[in-house]
Amino acid sequence: MKIEDIERNLEGNKKLLLYLLRENDWEVVGVENEFSDWALDQIWTIASTRQNKGFEIVLHFNKFNGVHDGMNRVVALTDIEIDVNSYGGEPSLEFDGSEFNRNLHGFVSAIHNLRIGK
């Protein structure tokens, strides 16, 4: 599935993240919604469109420890890290309240650092 297929239905913070990713030379190349892990909400695969073009990172959108239906964290993983517990991985971004707005740009900077190998 492509992000364009679900973009108009994205909630506020997911949409803000999507727009900032695009501004920073990332493209969402795949979206998954079906999982056996009930704590996992969505997975986006993003690819760099500029520096290290084609480099991919996987974003795991998690529900709060699986305790309720509201997703509250996104974690960025490289191919090497895919088998680790995605809820506790880094870099991550909380979707709750003002933490999201304060940390959004830092999260995108952290995935940029993954892209350039820092």
PDB file of N, CA and C in Angstrom:
ATOM      1  N   MET A   1       0.844  -1.177   0.000  1.00  0.00           N
ATOM      2  CA  MET A   1       0.000   0.000   0.000  1.00  0.00           C
ATOM      3  C   MET A   1       0.892   1.244   0.000  1.00  0.00           C
ATOM      4  N   LYS A   2       0.469   2.276  -0.683  1.00  0.00           N
ATOM      5  CA  LYS A   2       1.194   3.550  -0.745  1.00  0.00           C
ATOM      6  C   LYS A   2       0.589   4.544   0.224  1.00  0.00           C
ATOM      7  N   ILE A   3       1.400   5.458   0.705  1.00  0.00           N
ATOM      8  CA  ILE A   3       0.947   6.470   1.657  1.00  0.00           C
ATOM      9  C   ILE A   3      -0.143   7.348   1.049  1.00  0.00           C
ATOM     10  N   GLU A   4      -0.077   7.580  -0.239  1.00  0.00           N
ATOM     11  CA  GLU A   4      -1.075   8.425  -0.896  1.00  0.00           C
ATOM     12  C   GLU A   4      -2.483   7.842  -0.753  1.00  0.00           C
ATOM     13  N   ASP A   5      -2.563   6.507  -0.626  1.00  0.00           N
ATOM     14  CA  ASP A   5      -3.859   5.848  -0.493  1.00  0.00           C
ATOM     15  C   ASP A   5      -4.529   6.124   0.850  1.00  0.00           C
ATOM     16  N   ILE A   6      -3.730   6.447   1.864  1.00  0.00           N
ATOM     17  CA  ILE A   6      -4.296   6.673   3.191  1.00  0.00           C
ATOM     18  C   ILE A   6      -4.051   8.095   3.711  1.00  0.00           C
ATOM     19  N   GLU A   7      -3.328   8.903   2.958  1.00  0.00           N
ATOM     20  CA  GLU A   7      -2.900  10.219   3.444  1.00  0.00           C
ATOM     21  C   GLU A   7      -4.046  11.103   3.908  1.00  0.00           C
ATOM     22  N   ARG A   8      -5.120  11.172   3.176  1.00  0.00           N
ATOM     23  CA  ARG A   8      -6.209  12.082   3.550  1.00  0.00           C
ATOM     24  C   ARG A   8      -6.879  11.668   4.854  1.00  0.00           C
ATOM     25  N   ASN A   9      -6.719  10.403   5.263  1.00  0.00           N
ATOM     26  CA  ASN A   9      -7.325   9.919   6.505  1.00  0.00           C
ATOM     27  C   ASN A   9      -6.351   9.887   7.683  1.00  0.00           C
ATOM     28  N   LEU A  10      -5.124  10.354   7.463  1.00  0.00           N
ATOM     29  CA  LEU A  10      -4.152  10.353   8.559  1.00  0.00           C
ATOM     30  C   LEU A  10      -4.556  11.334   9.639  1.00  0.00           C
ATOM     31  N   GLU A  11      -4.288  10.954  10.882  1.00  0.00           N
ATOM     32  CA  GLU A  11      -4.542  11.831  12.016  1.00  0.00           C
ATOM     33  C   GLU A  11      -3.484  12.927  12.056  1.00  0.00           C
ATOM     34  N   GLY A  12      -3.750  13.977  12.820  1.00  0.00           N
ATOM     35  CA  GLY A  12      -2.925  15.174  12.868  1.00  0.00           C
ATOM     36  C   GLY A  12      -1.430  14.961  12.993  1.00  0.00           C
ATOM     37  N   ASN A  13      -0.972  14.243  14.023  1.00  0.00           N
ATOM     38  CA  ASN A  13       0.460  14.096  14.233  1.00  0.00           C
ATOM     39  C   ASN A  13       1.122  13.225  13.169  1.00  0.00           C
ATOM     40  N   LYS A  14       0.435  12.200  12.713  1.00  0.00           N
ATOM     41  CA  LYS A  14       0.994  11.385  11.627  1.00  0.00           C
ATOM     42  C   LYS A  14       1.144  12.234  10.363  1.00  0.00           C
ATOM     43  N   LYS A  15       0.161  13.064  10.108  1.00  0.00           N
ATOM     44  CA  LYS A  15       0.213  13.919   8.926  1.00  0.00           C
ATOM     45  C   LYS A  15       1.363  14.926   9.045  1.00  0.00           C
ATOM     46  N   LEU A  16       1.547  15.516  10.227  1.00  0.00           N
ATOM     47  CA  LEU A  16       2.664  16.445  10.445  1.00  0.00           C
ATOM     48  C   LEU A  16       4.002  15.747  10.223  1.00  0.00           C
ATOM     49  N   LEU A  17       4.129  14.530  10.737  1.00  0.00           N
ATOM     50  CA  LEU A  17       5.352  13.763  10.525  1.00  0.00           C
ATOM     51  C   LEU A  17       5.575  13.499   9.044  1.00  0.00           C
ATOM     52  N   LEU A  18       4.534  13.089   8.336  1.00  0.00           N
ATOM     53  CA  LEU A  18       4.638  12.826   6.904  1.00  0.00           C
ATOM     54  C   LEU A  18       5.135  14.055   6.153  1.00  0.00           C
ATOM     55  N   TYR A  19       4.544  15.221   6.432  1.00  0.00           N
ATOM     56  CA  TYR A  19       4.934  16.441   5.729  1.00  0.00           C
ATOM     57  C   TYR A  19       6.378  16.822   6.032  1.00  0.00           C
ATOM     58  N   LEU A  20       6.820  16.665   7.283  1.00  0.00           N
ATOM     59  CA  LEU A  20       8.205  16.998   7.627  1.00  0.00           C
ATOM     60  C   LEU A  20       9.175  16.010   6.986  1.00  0.00           C
ATOM     61  N   LEU A  21       8.796  14.747   6.894  1.00  0.00           N
ATOM     62  CA  LEU A  21       9.641  13.781   6.192  1.00  0.00           C
ATOM     63  C   LEU A  21       9.827  14.193   4.738  1.00  0.00           C
ATOM     64  N   ARG A  22       8.740  14.574   4.089  1.00  0.00           N
ATOM     65  CA  ARG A  22       8.834  15.008   2.689  1.00  0.00           C
ATOM     66  C   ARG A  22       9.731  16.228   2.542  1.00  0.00           C
ATOM     67  N   GLU A  23       9.589  17.193   3.461  1.00  0.00           N
ATOM     68  CA  GLU A  23      10.425  18.401   3.412  1.00  0.00           C
ATOM     69  C   GLU A  23      11.900  18.082   3.593  1.00  0.00           C
ATOM     70  N   ASN A  24      12.193  16.950   4.229  1.00  0.00           N
ATOM     71  CA  ASN A  24      13.571  16.560   4.514  1.00  0.00           C
ATOM     72  C   ASN A  24      14.037  15.405   3.633  1.00  0.00           C
ATOM     73  N   ASP A  25      13.473  15.325   2.434  1.00  0.00           N
ATOM     74  CA  ASP A  25      13.928  14.402   1.397  1.00  0.00           C
ATOM     75  C   ASP A  25      13.730  12.920   1.723  1.00  0.00           C
ATOM     76  N   TRP A  26      12.566  12.611   2.317  1.00  0.00           N
ATOM     77  CA  TRP A  26      12.151  11.229   2.529  1.00  0.00           C
ATOM     78  C   TRP A  26      10.845  11.000   1.791  1.00  0.00           C
ATOM     79  N   GLU A  27      10.679   9.779   1.304  1.00  0.00           N
ATOM     80  CA  GLU A  27       9.444   9.385   0.638  1.00  0.00           C
ATOM     81  C   GLU A  27       8.938   8.101   1.300  1.00  0.00           C
ATOM     82  N   VAL A  28       7.654   8.041   1.594  1.00  0.00           N
ATOM     83  CA  VAL A  28       7.066   6.813   2.132  1.00  0.00           C
ATOM     84  C   VAL A  28       6.810   5.894   0.940  1.00  0.00           C
ATOM     85  N   VAL A  29       7.510   4.757   0.922  1.00  0.00           N
ATOM     86  CA  VAL A  29       7.407   3.847  -0.218  1.00  0.00           C
ATOM     87  C   VAL A  29       6.545   2.627   0.074  1.00  0.00           C
ATOM     88  N   GLY A  30       6.128   2.467   1.337  1.00  0.00           N
ATOM     89  CA  GLY A  30       5.266   1.354   1.673  1.00  0.00           C
ATOM     90  C   GLY A  30       4.616   1.547   3.021  1.00  0.00           C
ATOM     91  N   VAL A  31       3.395   1.034   3.141  1.00  0.00           N
ATOM     92  CA  VAL A  31       2.640   1.100   4.394  1.00  0.00           C
ATOM     93  C   VAL A  31       2.052  -0.280   4.655  1.00  0.00           C
ATOM     94  N   GLU A  32       2.249  -0.785   5.873  1.00  0.00           N
ATOM     95  CA  GLU A  32       1.651  -2.058   6.283  1.00  0.00           C
ATOM     96  C   GLU A  32       0.692  -1.797   7.428  1.00  0.00           C
ATOM     97  N   ASN A  33      -0.434  -2.512   7.422  1.00  0.00           N
ATOM     98  CA  ASN A  33      -1.452  -2.348   8.461  1.00  0.00           C
ATOM     99  C   ASN A  33      -1.869  -3.644   9.142  1.00  0.00           C
ATOM    100  N   GLU A  34      -1.448  -4.786   8.650  1.00  0.00           N
ATOM    101  CA  GLU A  34      -1.911  -6.077   9.175  1.00  0.00           C
ATOM    102  C   GLU A  34      -0.780  -6.769   9.925  1.00  0.00           C
ATOM    103  N   PHE A  35      -1.008  -7.037  11.241  1.00  0.00           N
ATOM    104  CA  PHE A  35       0.036  -7.631  12.069  1.00  0.00           C
ATOM    105  C   PHE A  35      -0.553  -8.625  13.054  1.00  0.00           C
ATOM    106  N   SER A  36       0.271  -9.589  13.446  1.00  0.00           N
ATOM    107  CA  SER A  36      -0.122 -10.470  14.545  1.00  0.00           C
ATOM    108  C   SER A  36       0.186  -9.804  15.889  1.00  0.00           C
ATOM    109  N   ASP A  37       1.072  -8.820  15.906  1.00  0.00           N
ATOM    110  CA  ASP A  37       1.409  -8.076  17.125  1.00  0.00           C
ATOM    111  C   ASP A  37       0.359  -6.990  17.334  1.00  0.00           C
ATOM    112  N   TRP A  38      -0.519  -7.169  18.311  1.00  0.00           N
ATOM    113  CA  TRP A  38      -1.631  -6.244  18.513  1.00  0.00           C
ATOM    114  C   TRP A  38      -1.194  -4.884  19.042  1.00  0.00           C
ATOM    115  N   ALA A  39       0.065  -4.733  19.478  1.00  0.00           N
ATOM    116  CA  ALA A  39       0.566  -3.433  19.944  1.00  0.00           C
ATOM    117  C   ALA A  39       1.074  -2.580  18.790  1.00  0.00           C
ATOM    118  N   LEU A  40       1.172  -3.147  17.602  1.00  0.00           N
ATOM    119  CA  LEU A  40       1.688  -2.449  16.433  1.00  0.00           C
ATOM    120  C   LEU A  40       0.529  -1.910  15.602  1.00  0.00           C
ATOM    121  N   ASP A  41       0.578  -0.596  15.316  1.00  0.00           N
ATOM    122  CA  ASP A  41      -0.509   0.057  14.584  1.00  0.00           C
ATOM    123  C   ASP A  41      -0.241   0.082  13.081  1.00  0.00           C
ATOM    124  N   GLN A  42       0.919   0.587  12.690  1.00  0.00           N
ATOM    125  CA  GLN A  42       1.307   0.664  11.278  1.00  0.00           C
ATOM    126  C   GLN A  42       2.814   0.583  11.160  1.00  0.00           C
ATOM    127  N   ILE A  43       3.268   0.233   9.963  1.00  0.00           N
ATOM    128  CA  ILE A  43       4.690   0.309   9.616  1.00  0.00           C
ATOM    129  C   ILE A  43       4.794   1.080   8.315  1.00  0.00           C
ATOM    130  N   TRP A  44       5.640   2.106   8.313  1.00  0.00           N
ATOM    131  CA  TRP A  44       5.952   2.844   7.088  1.00  0.00           C
ATOM    132  C   TRP A  44       7.395   2.539   6.721  1.00  0.00           C
ATOM    133  N   THR A  45       7.642   2.235   5.473  1.00  0.00           N
ATOM    134  CA  THR A  45       9.002   2.152   4.964  1.00  0.00           C
ATOM    135  C   THR A  45       9.265   3.461   4.236  1.00  0.00           C
ATOM    136  N   ILE A  46      10.326   4.160   4.664  1.00  0.00           N
ATOM    137  CA  ILE A  46      10.676   5.431   4.035  1.00  0.00           C
ATOM    138  C   ILE A  46      12.016   5.282   3.331  1.00  0.00           C
ATOM    139  N   ALA A  47      12.160   5.979   2.206  1.00  0.00           N
ATOM    140  CA  ALA A  47      13.394   5.932   1.428  1.00  0.00           C
ATOM    141  C   ALA A  47      13.894   7.348   1.200  1.00  0.00           C
ATOM    142  N   SER A  48      15.203   7.499   1.270  1.00  0.00           N
ATOM    143  CA  SER A  48      15.821   8.795   1.036  1.00  0.00           C
ATOM    144  C   SER A  48      15.731   9.153  -0.445  1.00  0.00           C
ATOM    145  N   THR A  49      15.382  10.400  -0.711  1.00  0.00           N
ATOM    146  CA  THR A  49      15.286  10.844  -2.104  1.00  0.00           C
ATOM    147  C   THR A  49      16.449  11.748  -2.488  1.00  0.00           C
ATOM    148  N   ARG A  50      17.389  11.959  -1.560  1.00  0.00           N
ATOM    149  CA  ARG A  50      18.518  12.843  -1.857  1.00  0.00           C
ATOM    150  C   ARG A  50      19.821  12.213  -1.382  1.00  0.00           C
ATOM    151  N   GLN A  51      20.296  12.581  -0.199  1.00  0.00           N
ATOM    152  CA  GLN A  51      21.544  12.013   0.309  1.00  0.00           C
ATOM    153  C   GLN A  51      21.376  10.519   0.534  1.00  0.00           C
ATOM    154  N   ASN A  52      22.388   9.753   0.119  1.00  0.00           N
ATOM    155  CA  ASN A  52      22.313   8.298   0.224  1.00  0.00           C
ATOM    156  C   ASN A  52      20.992   7.799  -0.357  1.00  0.00           C
ATOM    157  N   LYS A  53      20.686   8.297  -1.556  1.00  0.00           N
ATOM    158  CA  LYS A  53      19.409   8.025  -2.221  1.00  0.00           C
ATOM    159  C   LYS A  53      19.083   6.540  -2.224  1.00  0.00           C
ATOM    160  N   GLY A  54      17.852   6.246  -1.839  1.00  0.00           N
ATOM    161  CA  GLY A  54      17.385   4.870  -1.793  1.00  0.00           C
ATOM    162  C   GLY A  54      17.558   4.207  -0.435  1.00  0.00           C
ATOM    163  N   PHE A  55      18.340   4.807   0.469  1.00  0.00           N
ATOM    164  CA  PHE A  55      18.513   4.264   1.821  1.00  0.00           C
ATOM    165  C   PHE A  55      17.151   4.195   2.494  1.00  0.00           C
ATOM    166  N   GLU A  56      16.847   3.057   3.106  1.00  0.00           N
ATOM    167  CA  GLU A  56      15.528   2.860   3.704  1.00  0.00           C
ATOM    168  C   GLU A  56      15.586   2.729   5.214  1.00  0.00           C
ATOM    169  N   ILE A  57      14.576   3.253   5.836  1.00  0.00           N
ATOM    170  CA  ILE A  57      14.346   3.133   7.273  1.00  0.00           C
ATOM    171  C   ILE A  57      12.901   2.684   7.441  1.00  0.00           C
ATOM    172  N   VAL A  58      12.663   1.879   8.449  1.00  0.00           N
ATOM    173  CA  VAL A  58      11.323   1.385   8.733  1.00  0.00           C
ATOM    174  C   VAL A  58      10.823   2.073   9.997  1.00  0.00           C
ATOM    175  N   LEU A  59       9.654   2.694   9.913  1.00  0.00           N
ATOM    176  CA  LEU A  59       9.046   3.371  11.049  1.00  0.00           C
ATOM    177  C   LEU A  59       7.936   2.496  11.621  1.00  0.00           C
ATOM    178  N   HIS A  60       8.084   2.095  12.885  1.00  0.00           N
ATOM    179  CA  HIS A  60       7.083   1.286  13.574  1.00  0.00           C
ATOM    180  C   HIS A  60       6.235   2.203  14.433  1.00  0.00           C
ATOM    181  N   PHE A  61       4.944   2.272  14.139  1.00  0.00           N
ATOM    182  CA  PHE A  61       4.001   3.056  14.919  1.00  0.00           C
ATOM    183  C   PHE A  61       3.363   2.113  15.944  1.00  0.00           C
ATOM    184  N   ASN A  62       3.664   2.342  17.214  1.00  0.00           N
ATOM    185  CA  ASN A  62       3.217   1.461  18.290  1.00  0.00           C
ATOM    186  C   ASN A  62       2.110   2.086  19.110  1.00  0.00           C
ATOM    187  N   LYS A  63       1.249   1.225  19.612  1.00  0.00           N
ATOM    188  CA  LYS A  63       0.259   1.639  20.594  1.00  0.00           C
ATOM    189  C   LYS A  63       0.955   1.623  21.951  1.00  0.00           C
ATOM    190  N   PHE A  64       0.441   2.349  22.890  1.00  0.00           N
ATOM    191  CA  PHE A  64       1.056   2.449  24.204  1.00  0.00           C
ATOM    192  C   PHE A  64       1.128   1.092  24.880  1.00  0.00           C
ATOM    193  N   ASN A  65       2.277   0.458  24.778  1.00  0.00           N
ATOM    194  CA  ASN A  65       2.500  -0.875  25.346  1.00  0.00           C
ATOM    195  C   ASN A  65       1.354  -1.837  25.062  1.00  0.00           C
ATOM    196  N   GLY A  66       0.574  -1.536  24.033  1.00  0.00           N
ATOM    197  CA  GLY A  66      -0.545  -2.399  23.684  1.00  0.00           C
ATOM    198  C   GLY A  66      -1.715  -2.317  24.653  1.00  0.00           C
ATOM    199  N   VAL A  67      -1.680  -1.355  25.585  1.00  0.00           N
ATOM    200  CA  VAL A  67      -2.687  -1.291  26.633  1.00  0.00           C
ATOM    201  C   VAL A  67      -3.978  -0.635  26.162  1.00  0.00           C
ATOM    202  N   HIS A  68      -3.891   0.310  25.247  1.00  0.00           N
ATOM    203  CA  HIS A  68      -5.111   0.939  24.730  1.00  0.00           C
ATOM    204  C   HIS A  68      -4.992   1.126  23.224  1.00  0.00           C
ATOM    205  N   ASP A  69      -6.038   1.590  22.610  1.00  0.00           N
ATOM    206  CA  ASP A  69      -6.069   1.653  21.156  1.00  0.00           C
ATOM    207  C   ASP A  69      -5.352   2.851  20.561  1.00  0.00           C
ATOM    208  N   GLY A  70      -4.937   3.830  21.371  1.00  0.00           N
ATOM    209  CA  GLY A  70      -4.269   5.006  20.831  1.00  0.00           C
ATOM    210  C   GLY A  70      -2.786   4.783  20.630  1.00  0.00           C
ATOM    211  N   MET A  71      -2.289   4.973  19.428  1.00  0.00           N
ATOM    212  CA  MET A  71      -0.879   4.835  19.114  1.00  0.00           C
ATOM    213  C   MET A  71      -0.143   6.004  19.746  1.00  0.00           C
ATOM    214  N   ASN A  72       0.989   5.750  20.392  1.00  0.00           N
ATOM    215  CA  ASN A  72       1.656   6.860  21.028  1.00  0.00           C
ATOM    216  C   ASN A  72       3.134   6.974  20.758  1.00  0.00           C
ATOM    217  N   ARG A  73       3.710   6.113  19.949  1.00  0.00           N
ATOM    218  CA  ARG A  73       5.152   6.193  19.707  1.00  0.00           C
ATOM    219  C   ARG A  73       5.479   5.659  18.321  1.00  0.00           C
ATOM    220  N   VAL A  74       6.438   6.331  17.679  1.00  0.00           N
ATOM    221  CA  VAL A  74       6.999   5.819  16.437  1.00  0.00           C
ATOM    222  C   VAL A  74       8.486   5.606  16.679  1.00  0.00           C
ATOM    223  N   VAL A  75       8.991   4.488  16.190  1.00  0.00           N
ATOM    224  CA  VAL A  75      10.391   4.133  16.355  1.00  0.00           C
ATOM    225  C   VAL A  75      10.978   3.881  14.971  1.00  0.00           C
ATOM    226  N   ALA A  76      12.150   4.465  14.711  1.00  0.00           N
ATOM    227  CA  ALA A  76      12.836   4.290  13.426  1.00  0.00           C
ATOM    228  C   ALA A  76      13.850   3.162  13.545  1.00  0.00           C
ATOM    229  N   LEU A  77      13.787   2.220  12.618  1.00  0.00           N
ATOM    230  CA  LEU A  77      14.693   1.077  12.617  1.00  0.00           C
ATOM    231  C   LEU A  77      15.319   0.910  11.238  1.00  0.00           C
ATOM    232  N   THR A  78      16.584   0.521  11.235  1.00  0.00           N
ATOM    233  CA  THR A  78      17.237   0.170   9.978  1.00  0.00           C
ATOM    234  C   THR A  78      17.045  -1.324   9.754  1.00  0.00           C
ATOM    235  N   ASP A  79      17.393  -1.808   8.575  1.00  0.00           N
ATOM    236  CA  ASP A  79      17.257  -3.240   8.274  1.00  0.00           C
ATOM    237  C   ASP A  79      17.984  -4.101   9.297  1.00  0.00           C
ATOM    238  N   ILE A  80      19.107  -3.631   9.792  1.00  0.00           N
ATOM    239  CA  ILE A  80      19.913  -4.391  10.739  1.00  0.00           C
ATOM    240  C   ILE A  80      19.161  -4.603  12.050  1.00  0.00           C
ATOM    241  N   GLU A  81      18.299  -3.652  12.412  1.00  0.00           N
ATOM    242  CA  GLU A  81      17.642  -3.666  13.709  1.00  0.00           C
ATOM    243  C   GLU A  81      16.234  -4.253  13.706  1.00  0.00           C
ATOM    244  N   ILE A  82      15.746  -4.695  12.592  1.00  0.00           N
ATOM    245  CA  ILE A  82      14.341  -5.073  12.463  1.00  0.00           C
ATOM    246  C   ILE A  82      13.904  -6.110  13.500  1.00  0.00           C
ATOM    247  N   ASP A  83      14.777  -7.008  13.918  1.00  0.00           N
ATOM    248  CA  ASP A  83      14.371  -8.064  14.846  1.00  0.00           C
ATOM    249  C   ASP A  83      14.313  -7.617  16.305  1.00  0.00           C
ATOM    250  N   VAL A  84      14.769  -6.408  16.613  1.00  0.00           N
ATOM    251  CA  VAL A  84      14.724  -5.952  18.000  1.00  0.00           C
ATOM    252  C   VAL A  84      13.318  -5.519  18.370  1.00  0.00           C
ATOM    253  N   ASN A  85      13.073  -5.372  19.676  1.00  0.00           N
ATOM    254  CA  ASN A  85      11.782  -4.891  20.157  1.00  0.00           C
ATOM    255  C   ASN A  85      11.592  -3.470  19.667  1.00  0.00           C
ATOM    256  N   SER A  86      10.663  -3.256  18.776  1.00  0.00           N
ATOM    257  CA  SER A  86      10.508  -1.943  18.165  1.00  0.00           C
ATOM    258  C   SER A  86       9.946  -0.917  19.133  1.00  0.00           C
ATOM    259  N   TYR A  87       9.271  -1.339  20.184  1.00  0.00           N
ATOM    260  CA  TYR A  87       8.705  -0.340  21.088  1.00  0.00           C
ATOM    261  C   TYR A  87       9.802   0.415  21.836  1.00  0.00           C
ATOM    262  N   GLY A  88      10.859  -0.265  22.218  1.00  0.00           N
ATOM    263  CA  GLY A  88      11.913   0.369  23.002  1.00  0.00           C
ATOM    264  C   GLY A  88      13.070   0.896  22.184  1.00  0.00           C
ATOM    265  N   GLY A  89      12.997   0.833  20.861  1.00  0.00           N
ATOM    266  CA  GLY A  89      14.115   1.241  20.020  1.00  0.00           C
ATOM    267  C   GLY A  89      14.317   2.748  19.965  1.00  0.00           C
ATOM    268  N   GLU A  90      15.417   3.137  19.380  1.00  0.00           N
ATOM    269  CA  GLU A  90      15.761   4.554  19.197  1.00  0.00           C
ATOM    270  C   GLU A  90      16.270   4.742  17.777  1.00  0.00           C
ATOM    271  N   PRO A  91      16.062   5.891  17.174  1.00  0.00           N
ATOM    272  CA  PRO A  91      15.344   7.038  17.700  1.00  0.00           C
ATOM    273  C   PRO A  91      13.843   6.792  17.722  1.00  0.00           C
ATOM    274  N   SER A  92      13.190   7.469  18.646  1.00  0.00           N
ATOM    275  CA  SER A  92      11.749   7.329  18.772  1.00  0.00           C
ATOM    276  C   SER A  92      11.123   8.695  19.018  1.00  0.00           C
ATOM    277  N   LEU A  93       9.827   8.751  18.803  1.00  0.00           N
ATOM    278  CA  LEU A  93       9.076   9.989  18.973  1.00  0.00           C
ATOM    279  C   LEU A  93       7.755   9.671  19.646  1.00  0.00           C
ATOM    280  N   GLU A  94       7.496  10.316  20.770  1.00  0.00           N
ATOM    281  CA  GLU A  94       6.227  10.158  21.478  1.00  0.00           C
ATOM    282  C   GLU A  94       5.158  10.991  20.782  1.00  0.00           C
ATOM    283  N   PHE A  95       3.960  10.468  20.686  1.00  0.00           N
ATOM    284  CA  PHE A  95       2.862  11.178  20.046  1.00  0.00           C
ATOM    285  C   PHE A  95       1.941  11.873  21.038  1.00  0.00           C
ATOM    286  N   ASP A  96       2.266  11.797  22.315  1.00  0.00           N
ATOM    287  CA  ASP A  96       1.412  12.380  23.348  1.00  0.00           C
ATOM    288  C   ASP A  96       1.697  13.859  23.565  1.00  0.00           C
ATOM    289  N   GLY A  97       0.648  14.669  23.550  1.00  0.00           N
ATOM    290  CA  GLY A  97       0.697  16.077  23.931  1.00  0.00           C
ATOM    291  C   GLY A  97       1.811  16.902  23.341  1.00  0.00           C
ATOM    292  N   SER A  98       2.364  17.777  24.161  1.00  0.00           N
ATOM    293  CA  SER A  98       3.370  18.730  23.704  1.00  0.00           C
ATOM    294  C   SER A  98       4.714  18.073  23.418  1.00  0.00           C
ATOM    295  N   GLU A  99       4.933  16.863  23.912  1.00  0.00           N
ATOM    296  CA  GLU A  99       6.184  16.166  23.629  1.00  0.00           C
ATOM    297  C   GLU A  99       6.391  15.999  22.121  1.00  0.00           C
ATOM    298  N   PHE A 100       5.324  15.736  21.420  1.00  0.00           N
ATOM    299  CA  PHE A 100       5.416  15.544  19.975  1.00  0.00           C
ATOM    300  C   PHE A 100       5.951  16.805  19.303  1.00  0.00           C
ATOM    301  N   ASN A 101       5.327  17.943  19.573  1.00  0.00           N
ATOM    302  CA  ASN A 101       5.746  19.191  18.932  1.00  0.00           C
ATOM    303  C   ASN A 101       7.169  19.579  19.306  1.00  0.00           C
ATOM    304  N   ARG A 102       7.555  19.317  20.547  1.00  0.00           N
ATOM    305  CA  ARG A 102       8.906  19.659  20.994  1.00  0.00           C
ATOM    306  C   ARG A 102       9.974  18.796  20.354  1.00  0.00           C
ATOM    307  N   ASN A 103       9.641  17.550  20.059  1.00  0.00           N
ATOM    308  CA  ASN A 103      10.652  16.587  19.630  1.00  0.00           C
ATOM    309  C   ASN A 103      10.590  16.170  18.169  1.00  0.00           C
ATOM    310  N   LEU A 104       9.610  16.661  17.422  1.00  0.00           N
ATOM    311  CA  LEU A 104       9.430  16.244  16.027  1.00  0.00           C
ATOM    312  C   LEU A 104      10.672  16.513  15.181  1.00  0.00           C
ATOM    313  N   HIS A 105      11.198  17.721  15.228  1.00  0.00           N
ATOM    314  CA  HIS A 105      12.361  18.050  14.404  1.00  0.00           C
ATOM    315  C   HIS A 105      13.596  17.254  14.834  1.00  0.00           C
ATOM    316  N   GLY A 106      13.742  17.008  16.132  1.00  0.00           N
ATOM    317  CA  GLY A 106      14.856  16.195  16.618  1.00  0.00           C
ATOM    318  C   GLY A 106      14.784  14.765  16.111  1.00  0.00           C
ATOM    319  N   PHE A 107      13.572  14.219  16.027  1.00  0.00           N
ATOM    320  CA  PHE A 107      13.383  12.868  15.510  1.00  0.00           C
ATOM    321  C   PHE A 107      13.787  12.793  14.044  1.00  0.00           C
ATOM    322  N   VAL A 108      13.345  13.772  13.257  1.00  0.00           N
ATOM    323  CA  VAL A 108      13.696  13.780  11.831  1.00  0.00           C
ATOM    324  C   VAL A 108      15.200  13.983  11.659  1.00  0.00           C
ATOM    325  N   SER A 109      15.831  14.775  12.508  1.00  0.00           N
ATOM    326  CA  SER A 109      17.294  14.935  12.470  1.00  0.00           C
ATOM    327  C   SER A 109      17.987  13.619  12.801  1.00  0.00           C
ATOM    328  N   ALA A 110      17.454  12.881  13.770  1.00  0.00           N
ATOM    329  CA  ALA A 110      18.055  11.601  14.153  1.00  0.00           C
ATOM    330  C   ALA A 110      17.975  10.587  13.015  1.00  0.00           C
ATOM    331  N   ILE A 111      16.859  10.554  12.289  1.00  0.00           N
ATOM    332  CA  ILE A 111      16.804   9.607  11.162  1.00  0.00           C
ATOM    333  C   ILE A 111      17.679  10.084  10.014  1.00  0.00           C
ATOM    334  N   HIS A 112      17.871  11.409   9.904  1.00  0.00           N
ATOM    335  CA  HIS A 112      18.825  11.913   8.917  1.00  0.00           C
ATOM    336  C   HIS A 112      20.225  11.408   9.263  1.00  0.00           C
ATOM    337  N   ASN A 113      20.578  11.408  10.540  1.00  0.00           N
ATOM    338  CA  ASN A 113      21.888  10.915  10.950  1.00  0.00           C
ATOM    339  C   ASN A 113      22.050   9.432  10.621  1.00  0.00           C
ATOM    340  N   LEU A 114      20.969   8.651  10.711  1.00  0.00           N
ATOM    341  CA  LEU A 114      21.030   7.248  10.271  1.00  0.00           C
ATOM    342  C   LEU A 114      21.313   7.176   8.770  1.00  0.00           C
ATOM    343  N   ARG A 115      20.684   8.071   8.032  1.00  0.00           N
ATOM    344  CA  ARG A 115      20.831   8.102   6.575  1.00  0.00           C
ATOM    345  C   ARG A 115      22.272   8.381   6.162  1.00  0.00           C
ATOM    346  N   ILE A 116      22.942   9.274   6.876  1.00  0.00           N
ATOM    347  CA  ILE A 116      24.309   9.659   6.478  1.00  0.00           C
ATOM    348  C   ILE A 116      25.374   8.866   7.236  1.00  0.00           C
ATOM    349  N   GLY A 117      24.920   7.925   8.082  1.00  0.00           N
ATOM    350  CA  GLY A 117      25.866   7.018   8.729  1.00  0.00           C
ATOM    351  C   GLY A 117      26.537   7.552   9.975  1.00  0.00           C
ATOM    352  N   LYS A 118      25.944   8.520  10.638  1.00  0.00           N
ATOM    353  CA  LYS A 118      26.526   9.030  11.894  1.00  0.00           C
ATOM    354  C   LYS A 118      26.129   8.176  13.052  1.00  0.00           C
TER     355      LYS A 118
END
